[in-house]
Amino acid sequence: IGVGKTTLLKQVNNNFRHQQHNFDVVIWAAVSTLQDDIGKRIGFSEDRNWKEKSLQDKAVDIASILSGKKFVLLLDDIWEPIDLTQLGVPLQNLNDGSKIVLTTRSAGVCDQMDAEKVEVSSLAHDEAWKLFQEMIERSTLDSHTSIPGLAETLARECGGLPLAL
């Protein structure tokens, strides 16, 4: 169910971009191009030969780079379990502080990937409206008399989903 999981994950990604952290690399990867997205983020995008390599050879390359790094891997909208080790993600690094975050609609996917579950649900209208007001500058809301009413209608239409600003 659409409760804003992708929006939330994008916020996490953006926070990593704009704030200090102790990770060597933060990787946002789409499921359909997961291995290529990881490779691009760790420096293989300029290597034309890398694009021609087999999945297994790419996995070896990814593992050789990521094994020496503390990383965060952000995976959005996972529909079925993924064998990350086959893609070259060194799961042993999770013991050294690396993290993998995924969004899915399926508790079964979490179970099969041995992932800790954090359920995300919609906010009540009052909570969504309060959050919206906290996130937007007051001067914007007050810049025209019709804006607060329109903004509240928008918050209501979003059905408690976090609003991207």
Protein backbone atom coordinates (compact mmCIF):
# COMPACT_ATOMS: atom_id res chain seq x y z
CA ILE A 1 0.00 0.00 0.00
CA GLY A 2 1.31 3.45 -0.86
CA VAL A 3 2.12 5.04 2.45
CA GLY A 4 5.13 7.09 1.37
CA LYS A 5 7.93 4.49 1.64
CA THR A 6 9.75 5.82 -1.43
CA THR A 7 9.36 9.41 -0.23
CA LEU A 8 10.77 8.42 3.13
CA LEU A 9 13.72 6.59 1.56
CA LYS A 10 14.44 9.59 -0.69
CA GLN A 11 14.54 11.80 2.42
CA VAL A 12 17.04 9.41 4.01
CA ASN A 13 19.16 9.55 0.85
CA ASN A 14 18.99 13.36 0.72
CA ASN A 15 19.95 13.63 4.39
CA PHE A 16 23.07 11.58 3.70
CA ARG A 17 23.95 13.94 0.84
CA HIS A 18 23.63 17.09 2.92
CA GLN A 19 24.88 16.02 6.34
CA GLN A 20 28.09 14.65 7.74
CA HIS A 21 28.15 10.88 8.28
CA ASN A 22 30.73 8.19 8.81
CA PHE A 23 30.00 6.08 5.72
CA ASP A 24 32.44 5.86 2.81
CA VAL A 25 29.69 5.57 0.22
CA VAL A 26 25.89 5.86 0.11
CA ILE A 27 24.26 4.03 -2.78
CA TRP A 28 20.68 4.46 -4.03
CA ALA A 29 19.91 1.59 -6.36
CA ALA A 30 16.84 0.70 -8.40
CA VAL A 31 15.97 -2.97 -8.38
CA SER A 32 15.85 -3.26 -12.17
CA THR A 33 19.42 -1.93 -12.54
CA LEU A 34 20.77 -2.79 -9.11
CA GLN A 35 24.21 -4.07 -10.05
CA ASP A 36 24.82 -1.29 -12.57
CA ASP A 37 23.67 1.38 -10.08
CA ILE A 38 26.04 0.05 -7.44
CA GLY A 39 28.88 -0.11 -9.97
CA LYS A 40 28.22 3.44 -11.11
CA ARG A 41 28.22 4.78 -7.55
CA ILE A 42 31.54 3.13 -6.68
CA GLY A 43 33.34 4.31 -9.80
CA PHE A 44 32.80 1.84 -12.62
CA SER A 45 30.59 4.15 -14.72
CA GLU A 46 33.58 5.41 -16.76
CA ASP A 47 34.84 1.90 -17.46
CA ARG A 48 33.33 0.85 -20.81
CA ASN A 49 34.63 -2.69 -20.39
CA TRP A 50 32.74 -3.03 -17.10
CA LYS A 51 29.39 -2.72 -18.86
CA GLU A 52 30.32 -5.70 -21.04
CA LYS A 53 31.26 -7.93 -18.10
CA SER A 54 29.15 -10.84 -16.90
CA LEU A 55 27.04 -10.56 -13.76
CA GLN A 56 29.54 -12.75 -11.93
CA ASP A 57 32.53 -10.60 -12.94
CA LYS A 58 30.67 -7.44 -11.94
CA ALA A 59 29.89 -9.06 -8.58
CA VAL A 60 33.61 -9.75 -8.02
CA ASP A 61 34.44 -6.11 -8.87
CA ILE A 62 31.72 -4.75 -6.59
CA ALA A 63 32.78 -7.01 -3.73
CA SER A 64 36.43 -6.01 -4.10
CA ILE A 65 35.55 -2.31 -3.72
CA LEU A 66 32.80 -2.54 -1.10
CA SER A 67 34.66 -5.04 1.08
CA GLY A 68 37.00 -2.25 2.11
CA LYS A 69 34.30 0.34 2.69
CA LYS A 70 31.59 1.20 5.16
CA PHE A 71 28.51 1.64 3.00
CA VAL A 72 24.78 2.31 3.06
CA LEU A 73 22.77 0.61 0.33
CA LEU A 74 19.25 2.02 -0.19
CA LEU A 75 16.94 -0.31 -2.14
CA ASP A 76 13.47 0.89 -3.05
CA ASP A 77 10.34 -1.08 -3.91
CA ILE A 78 11.60 -4.66 -3.56
CA TRP A 79 8.96 -7.12 -4.79
CA GLU A 80 10.85 -10.37 -4.27
CA PRO A 81 13.88 -11.48 -2.30
CA ILE A 82 17.24 -10.51 -3.76
CA ASP A 83 20.44 -12.48 -3.22
CA LEU A 84 22.72 -9.53 -2.59
CA THR A 85 25.84 -11.69 -2.36
CA GLN A 86 25.30 -12.80 -5.97
CA LEU A 87 25.39 -9.12 -6.93
CA GLY A 88 28.65 -8.58 -5.04
CA VAL A 89 27.35 -6.92 -1.88
CA PRO A 90 29.60 -8.06 0.98
CA LEU A 91 27.11 -8.87 3.73
CA GLN A 92 29.93 -9.45 6.21
CA ASN A 93 30.43 -5.65 6.20
CA LEU A 94 27.12 -5.34 8.05
CA ASN A 95 29.03 -6.51 11.13
CA ASP A 96 31.37 -3.53 10.69
CA GLY A 97 28.64 -0.87 10.53
CA SER A 98 27.54 -0.97 6.90
CA LYS A 99 23.77 -0.82 6.41
CA ILE A 100 21.20 -2.00 3.90
CA VAL A 101 17.79 -0.34 3.89
CA LEU A 102 14.98 -1.58 1.70
CA THR A 103 11.36 -0.74 1.13
CA THR A 104 8.81 -3.39 0.23
CA ARG A 105 5.09 -3.98 0.48
CA SER A 106 5.73 -7.56 1.53
CA ALA A 107 6.51 -8.71 5.04
CA GLY A 108 7.42 -12.04 3.42
CA VAL A 109 10.24 -10.39 1.47
CA CYS A 110 11.60 -8.99 4.74
CA ASP A 111 11.41 -12.42 6.33
CA GLN A 112 13.12 -14.16 3.40
CA MET A 113 15.89 -11.55 3.34
CA ASP A 114 16.25 -11.76 7.13
CA ALA A 115 15.51 -8.03 7.40
CA GLU A 116 14.31 -6.21 10.47
CA LYS A 117 10.82 -4.83 9.82
CA VAL A 118 9.71 -1.27 10.50
CA GLU A 119 6.13 -0.78 9.45
CA VAL A 120 5.30 2.57 7.85
CA SER A 121 1.70 3.64 7.96
CA SER A 122 -0.23 6.71 6.91
CA LEU A 123 -0.53 9.61 9.31
CA ALA A 124 -3.88 10.75 10.64
CA HIS A 125 -5.04 13.93 8.90
CA ASP A 126 -4.27 16.11 11.93
CA GLU A 127 -0.74 14.69 12.18
CA ALA A 128 -0.15 15.06 8.42
CA TRP A 129 -1.38 18.66 8.49
CA LYS A 130 0.76 19.48 11.53
CA LEU A 131 3.84 17.96 9.87
CA PHE A 132 3.13 19.89 6.67
CA GLN A 133 2.92 23.15 8.61
CA GLU A 134 6.17 22.38 10.42
CA MET A 135 8.00 21.65 7.18
CA ILE A 136 6.89 24.66 5.16
CA GLU A 137 7.93 28.19 5.96
CA ARG A 138 5.21 30.12 7.75
CA SER A 139 5.74 33.05 5.37
CA THR A 140 4.76 30.79 2.48
CA LEU A 141 1.50 29.76 4.15
CA ASP A 142 0.76 33.38 5.05
CA SER A 143 1.72 34.83 1.65
CA HIS A 144 -1.89 34.71 0.40
CA THR A 145 -5.17 34.19 2.20
CA SER A 146 -6.19 31.23 0.03
CA ILE A 147 -2.96 29.24 0.57
CA PRO A 148 -3.71 27.75 4.04
CA GLY A 149 -7.06 26.39 2.86
CA LEU A 150 -5.57 24.98 -0.36
CA ALA A 151 -2.66 23.48 1.55
CA GLU A 152 -4.98 21.79 4.04
CA THR A 153 -7.08 20.42 1.16
CA LEU A 154 -3.90 19.08 -0.42
CA ALA A 155 -2.86 17.45 2.85
CA ARG A 156 -6.32 15.86 3.13
CA GLU A 157 -6.21 14.63 -0.50
CA CYS A 158 -2.87 12.94 0.17
CA GLY A 159 -4.63 10.73 2.70
CA GLY A 160 -2.03 11.01 5.43
CA LEU A 161 0.96 10.44 3.15
CA PRO A 162 4.04 12.55 3.80
CA LEU A 163 4.11 15.45 1.35
CA ALA A 164 7.26 16.12 -0.63
CA LEU A 165 8.17 19.77 -0.46
